[in-house]
Amino acid sequence: MNLTTQGQTSNVRYTGSTLSVVDAHDGRLEPAVGVHSRQIMRANREHPNMADGVGWTYNH
């Protein structure tokens, strides 16, 4: 990922020592305290092609 600020380009670097486990759904990483996550899924029964490919209006 490259970030551009006022004509300057810099690469994003990770300098920590903790690595994730790519085979685990959560990477086996400690949760970040205070961080919340929301997942949005669009559904449209009449036009599922305009949604996320889901044709039902209630999903869980």
PDB file of N, CA and C in Angstrom:
ATOM      1  N   MET A   1       0.847  -1.163   0.000  1.00  0.00           N
ATOM      2  CA  MET A   1       0.000   0.000   0.000  1.00  0.00           C
ATOM      3  C   MET A   1       0.898   1.233   0.000  1.00  0.00           C
ATOM      4  N   ASN A   2       0.628   2.137  -0.881  1.00  0.00           N
ATOM      5  CA  ASN A   2       1.375   3.385  -0.940  1.00  0.00           C
ATOM      6  C   ASN A   2       0.492   4.533  -0.494  1.00  0.00           C
ATOM      7  N   LEU A   3       1.030   5.429   0.277  1.00  0.00           N
ATOM      8  CA  LEU A   3       0.325   6.627   0.707  1.00  0.00           C
ATOM      9  C   LEU A   3       0.986   7.827   0.067  1.00  0.00           C
ATOM     10  N   THR A   4       0.175   8.729  -0.465  1.00  0.00           N
ATOM     11  CA  THR A   4       0.716   9.925  -1.092  1.00  0.00           C
ATOM     12  C   THR A   4       0.268  11.141  -0.303  1.00  0.00           C
ATOM     13  N   THR A   5       1.222  11.943   0.132  1.00  0.00           N
ATOM     14  CA  THR A   5       0.937  13.163   0.876  1.00  0.00           C
ATOM     15  C   THR A   5       1.727  14.297   0.250  1.00  0.00           C
ATOM     16  N   GLN A   6       1.033  15.245  -0.317  1.00  0.00           N
ATOM     17  CA  GLN A   6       1.643  16.425  -0.925  1.00  0.00           C
ATOM     18  C   GLN A   6       2.785  16.053  -1.859  1.00  0.00           C
ATOM     19  N   GLY A   7       2.522  15.094  -2.751  1.00  0.00           N
ATOM     20  CA  GLY A   7       3.517  14.723  -3.740  1.00  0.00           C
ATOM     21  C   GLY A   7       4.556  13.734  -3.262  1.00  0.00           C
ATOM     22  N   GLN A   8       4.585  13.405  -1.984  1.00  0.00           N
ATOM     23  CA  GLN A   8       5.554  12.448  -1.460  1.00  0.00           C
ATOM     24  C   GLN A   8       4.879  11.091  -1.307  1.00  0.00           C
ATOM     25  N   THR A   9       5.576  10.043  -1.657  1.00  0.00           N
ATOM     26  CA  THR A   9       5.049   8.687  -1.536  1.00  0.00           C
ATOM     27  C   THR A   9       5.811   7.946  -0.451  1.00  0.00           C
ATOM     28  N   SER A  10       5.070   7.282   0.434  1.00  0.00           N
ATOM     29  CA  SER A  10       5.713   6.467   1.459  1.00  0.00           C
ATOM     30  C   SER A  10       4.975   5.138   1.563  1.00  0.00           C
ATOM     31  N   ASN A  11       5.702   4.085   1.820  1.00  0.00           N
ATOM     32  CA  ASN A  11       5.118   2.758   1.975  1.00  0.00           C
ATOM     33  C   ASN A  11       4.727   2.540   3.426  1.00  0.00           C
ATOM     34  N   VAL A  12       3.641   1.791   3.632  1.00  0.00           N
ATOM     35  CA  VAL A  12       3.211   1.428   4.975  1.00  0.00           C
ATOM     36  C   VAL A  12       4.115   0.305   5.457  1.00  0.00           C
ATOM     37  N   ARG A  13       4.669   0.441   6.667  1.00  0.00           N
ATOM     38  CA  ARG A  13       5.568  -0.568   7.227  1.00  0.00           C
ATOM     39  C   ARG A  13       5.065  -0.999   8.592  1.00  0.00           C
ATOM     40  N   TYR A  14       5.225  -2.273   8.900  1.00  0.00           N
ATOM     41  CA  TYR A  14       4.918  -2.809  10.220  1.00  0.00           C
ATOM     42  C   TYR A  14       6.243  -3.102  10.894  1.00  0.00           C
ATOM     43  N   THR A  15       6.469  -2.507  12.064  1.00  0.00           N
ATOM     44  CA  THR A  15       7.751  -2.673  12.747  1.00  0.00           C
ATOM     45  C   THR A  15       7.638  -3.509  14.013  1.00  0.00           C
ATOM     46  N   GLY A  16       6.460  -4.073  14.279  1.00  0.00           N
ATOM     47  CA  GLY A  16       6.279  -4.895  15.475  1.00  0.00           C
ATOM     48  C   GLY A  16       6.854  -6.289  15.299  1.00  0.00           C
ATOM     49  N   SER A  17       6.799  -7.070  16.368  1.00  0.00           N
ATOM     50  CA  SER A  17       7.331  -8.432  16.314  1.00  0.00           C
ATOM     51  C   SER A  17       6.228  -9.490  16.307  1.00  0.00           C
ATOM     52  N   THR A  18       4.974  -9.108  16.553  1.00  0.00           N
ATOM     53  CA  THR A  18       3.864 -10.051  16.588  1.00  0.00           C
ATOM     54  C   THR A  18       3.400 -10.348  15.168  1.00  0.00           C
ATOM     55  N   LEU A  19       3.314 -11.629  14.834  1.00  0.00           N
ATOM     56  CA  LEU A  19       2.852 -12.046  13.518  1.00  0.00           C
ATOM     57  C   LEU A  19       1.544 -12.801  13.656  1.00  0.00           C
ATOM     58  N   SER A  20       0.724 -12.760  12.627  1.00  0.00           N
ATOM     59  CA  SER A  20      -0.550 -13.464  12.659  1.00  0.00           C
ATOM     60  C   SER A  20      -0.395 -14.866  12.086  1.00  0.00           C
ATOM     61  N   VAL A  21      -1.348 -15.725  12.431  1.00  0.00           N
ATOM     62  CA  VAL A  21      -1.414 -17.085  11.891  1.00  0.00           C
ATOM     63  C   VAL A  21      -2.474 -17.052  10.796  1.00  0.00           C
ATOM     64  N   VAL A  22      -2.059 -17.179   9.547  1.00  0.00           N
ATOM     65  CA  VAL A  22      -2.987 -17.000   8.434  1.00  0.00           C
ATOM     66  C   VAL A  22      -4.028 -18.109   8.341  1.00  0.00           C
ATOM     67  N   ASP A  23      -3.802 -19.250   8.970  1.00  0.00           N
ATOM     68  CA  ASP A  23      -4.773 -20.340   8.931  1.00  0.00           C
ATOM     69  C   ASP A  23      -5.902 -20.151   9.939  1.00  0.00           C
ATOM     70  N   ALA A  24      -5.761 -19.244  10.884  1.00  0.00           N
ATOM     71  CA  ALA A  24      -6.788 -19.004  11.900  1.00  0.00           C
ATOM     72  C   ALA A  24      -7.666 -17.830  11.475  1.00  0.00           C
ATOM     73  N   HIS A  25      -8.973 -17.919  11.733  1.00  0.00           N
ATOM     74  CA  HIS A  25      -9.889 -16.864  11.298  1.00  0.00           C
ATOM     75  C   HIS A  25      -9.599 -15.527  11.967  1.00  0.00           C
ATOM     76  N   ASP A  26      -9.056 -15.547  13.170  1.00  0.00           N
ATOM     77  CA  ASP A  26      -8.746 -14.308  13.884  1.00  0.00           C
ATOM     78  C   ASP A  26      -7.249 -14.018  13.897  1.00  0.00           C
ATOM     79  N   GLY A  27      -6.487 -14.812  13.181  1.00  0.00           N
ATOM     80  CA  GLY A  27      -5.045 -14.625  13.142  1.00  0.00           C
ATOM     81  C   GLY A  27      -4.347 -14.974  14.438  1.00  0.00           C
ATOM     82  N   ARG A  28      -5.123 -15.462  15.415  1.00  0.00           N
ATOM     83  CA  ARG A  28      -4.623 -15.751  16.767  1.00  0.00           C
ATOM     84  C   ARG A  28      -3.933 -14.535  17.373  1.00  0.00           C
ATOM     85  N   LEU A  29      -4.529 -13.382  17.109  1.00  0.00           N
ATOM     86  CA  LEU A  29      -4.013 -12.133  17.660  1.00  0.00           C
ATOM     87  C   LEU A  29      -4.866 -11.714  18.846  1.00  0.00           C
ATOM     88  N   GLU A  30      -4.277 -11.013  19.789  1.00  0.00           N
ATOM     89  CA  GLU A  30      -5.012 -10.475  20.930  1.00  0.00           C
ATOM     90  C   GLU A  30      -6.003  -9.429  20.428  1.00  0.00           C
ATOM     91  N   PRO A  31      -7.202  -9.374  21.008  1.00  0.00           N
ATOM     92  CA  PRO A  31      -8.152  -8.343  20.577  1.00  0.00           C
ATOM     93  C   PRO A  31      -7.667  -6.952  20.971  1.00  0.00           C
ATOM     94  N   ALA A  32      -8.003  -5.982  20.146  1.00  0.00           N
ATOM     95  CA  ALA A  32      -7.651  -4.591  20.432  1.00  0.00           C
ATOM     96  C   ALA A  32      -8.734  -4.015  21.335  1.00  0.00           C
ATOM     97  N   VAL A  33      -8.393  -3.658  22.550  1.00  0.00           N
ATOM     98  CA  VAL A  33      -9.352  -3.156  23.527  1.00  0.00           C
ATOM     99  C   VAL A  33      -9.912  -1.826  23.046  1.00  0.00           C
ATOM    100  N   GLY A  34     -11.232  -1.703  23.079  1.00  0.00           N
ATOM    101  CA  GLY A  34     -11.883  -0.458  22.682  1.00  0.00           C
ATOM    102  C   GLY A  34     -12.253  -0.388  21.214  1.00  0.00           C
ATOM    103  N   VAL A  35     -11.909  -1.410  20.444  1.00  0.00           N
ATOM    104  CA  VAL A  35     -12.204  -1.408  19.014  1.00  0.00           C
ATOM    105  C   VAL A  35     -13.491  -2.183  18.780  1.00  0.00           C
ATOM    106  N   HIS A  36     -14.366  -1.628  17.968  1.00  0.00           N
ATOM    107  CA  HIS A  36     -15.633  -2.275  17.635  1.00  0.00           C
ATOM    108  C   HIS A  36     -15.640  -2.613  16.151  1.00  0.00           C
ATOM    109  N   SER A  37     -16.344  -3.657  15.795  1.00  0.00           N
ATOM    110  CA  SER A  37     -16.422  -4.087  14.408  1.00  0.00           C
ATOM    111  C   SER A  37     -17.883  -4.235  14.018  1.00  0.00           C
ATOM    112  N   ARG A  38     -18.214  -3.773  12.830  1.00  0.00           N
ATOM    113  CA  ARG A  38     -19.569  -3.904  12.299  1.00  0.00           C
ATOM    114  C   ARG A  38     -19.472  -4.545  10.927  1.00  0.00           C
ATOM    115  N   GLN A  39     -20.371  -5.459  10.651  1.00  0.00           N
ATOM    116  CA  GLN A  39     -20.420  -6.079   9.335  1.00  0.00           C
ATOM    117  C   GLN A  39     -21.747  -5.709   8.695  1.00  0.00           C
ATOM    118  N   ILE A  40     -21.678  -5.141   7.522  1.00  0.00           N
ATOM    119  CA  ILE A  40     -22.872  -4.712   6.800  1.00  0.00           C
ATOM    120  C   ILE A  40     -23.069  -5.633   5.609  1.00  0.00           C
ATOM    121  N   MET A  41     -24.307  -6.083   5.440  1.00  0.00           N
ATOM    122  CA  MET A  41     -24.634  -6.928   4.308  1.00  0.00           C
ATOM    123  C   MET A  41     -25.910  -6.387   3.685  1.00  0.00           C
ATOM    124  N   ARG A  42     -25.848  -6.070   2.417  1.00  0.00           N
ATOM    125  CA  ARG A  42     -27.029  -5.577   1.724  1.00  0.00           C
ATOM    126  C   ARG A  42     -27.837  -6.766   1.220  1.00  0.00           C
ATOM    127  N   ALA A  43     -29.150  -6.685   1.352  1.00  0.00           N
ATOM    128  CA  ALA A  43     -30.028  -7.737   0.854  1.00  0.00           C
ATOM    129  C   ALA A  43     -31.203  -7.093   0.139  1.00  0.00           C
ATOM    130  N   ASN A  44     -31.611  -7.685  -0.963  1.00  0.00           N
ATOM    131  CA  ASN A  44     -32.731  -7.179  -1.730  1.00  0.00           C
ATOM    132  C   ASN A  44     -33.433  -8.378  -2.350  1.00  0.00           C
ATOM    133  N   ARG A  45     -34.616  -8.674  -1.865  1.00  0.00           N
ATOM    134  CA  ARG A  45     -35.337  -9.863  -2.306  1.00  0.00           C
ATOM    135  C   ARG A  45     -35.767  -9.754  -3.769  1.00  0.00           C
ATOM    136  N   GLU A  46     -36.180  -8.561  -4.196  1.00  0.00           N
ATOM    137  CA  GLU A  46     -36.650  -8.389  -5.570  1.00  0.00           C
ATOM    138  C   GLU A  46     -35.510  -8.258  -6.572  1.00  0.00           C
ATOM    139  N   HIS A  47     -34.401  -7.662  -6.157  1.00  0.00           N
ATOM    140  CA  HIS A  47     -33.264  -7.439  -7.053  1.00  0.00           C
ATOM    141  C   HIS A  47     -31.973  -7.882  -6.361  1.00  0.00           C
ATOM    142  N   PRO A  48     -31.736  -9.190  -6.208  1.00  0.00           N
ATOM    143  CA  PRO A  48     -30.538  -9.648  -5.500  1.00  0.00           C
ATOM    144  C   PRO A  48     -29.237  -9.247  -6.192  1.00  0.00           C
ATOM    145  N   ASN A  49     -29.290  -8.965  -7.493  1.00  0.00           N
ATOM    146  CA  ASN A  49     -28.081  -8.520  -8.185  1.00  0.00           C
ATOM    147  C   ASN A  49     -27.659  -7.116  -7.749  1.00  0.00           C
ATOM    148  N   MET A  50     -28.563  -6.340  -7.155  1.00  0.00           N
ATOM    149  CA  MET A  50     -28.233  -5.006  -6.661  1.00  0.00           C
ATOM    150  C   MET A  50     -27.748  -5.057  -5.216  1.00  0.00           C
ATOM    151  N   ALA A  51     -27.822  -6.225  -4.614  1.00  0.00           N
ATOM    152  CA  ALA A  51     -27.362  -6.397  -3.236  1.00  0.00           C
ATOM    153  C   ALA A  51     -26.016  -7.110  -3.268  1.00  0.00           C
ATOM    154  N   ASP A  52     -25.673  -7.740  -2.190  1.00  0.00           N
ATOM    155  CA  ASP A  52     -24.417  -8.486  -2.120  1.00  0.00           C
ATOM    156  C   ASP A  52     -24.607  -9.928  -2.577  1.00  0.00           C
ATOM    157  N   GLY A  53     -25.564 -10.159  -3.472  1.00  0.00           N
ATOM    158  CA  GLY A  53     -25.828 -11.500  -3.963  1.00  0.00           C
ATOM    159  C   GLY A  53     -26.728 -12.301  -3.040  1.00  0.00           C
ATOM    160  N   VAL A  54     -27.292 -11.648  -2.027  1.00  0.00           N
ATOM    161  CA  VAL A  54     -28.167 -12.305  -1.064  1.00  0.00           C
ATOM    162  C   VAL A  54     -29.592 -11.846  -1.335  1.00  0.00           C
ATOM    163  N   GLY A  55     -30.521 -12.784  -1.472  1.00  0.00           N
ATOM    164  CA  GLY A  55     -31.878 -12.422  -1.820  1.00  0.00           C
ATOM    165  C   GLY A  55     -32.832 -12.315  -0.653  1.00  0.00           C
ATOM    166  N   TRP A  56     -32.383 -12.525   0.550  1.00  0.00           N
ATOM    167  CA  TRP A  56     -33.267 -12.480   1.703  1.00  0.00           C
ATOM    168  C   TRP A  56     -33.073 -11.179   2.461  1.00  0.00           C
ATOM    169  N   THR A  57     -34.130 -10.685   3.077  1.00  0.00           N
ATOM    170  CA  THR A  57     -34.035  -9.414   3.797  1.00  0.00           C
ATOM    171  C   THR A  57     -33.640  -9.595   5.252  1.00  0.00           C
ATOM    172  N   TYR A  58     -33.666 -10.826   5.761  1.00  0.00           N
ATOM    173  CA  TYR A  58     -33.242 -11.070   7.138  1.00  0.00           C
ATOM    174  C   TYR A  58     -32.206 -12.180   7.125  1.00  0.00           C
ATOM    175  N   ASN A  59     -31.032 -11.881   7.562  1.00  0.00           N
ATOM    176  CA  ASN A  59     -29.945 -12.859   7.594  1.00  0.00           C
ATOM    177  C   ASN A  59     -29.285 -12.826   8.959  1.00  0.00           C
ATOM    178  N   HIS A  60     -28.847 -13.956   9.427  1.00  0.00           N
ATOM    179  CA  HIS A  60     -28.117 -14.003  10.691  1.00  0.00           C
ATOM    180  C   HIS A  60     -27.108 -15.116  10.661  1.00  0.00           C
TER     181      HIS A  60
END
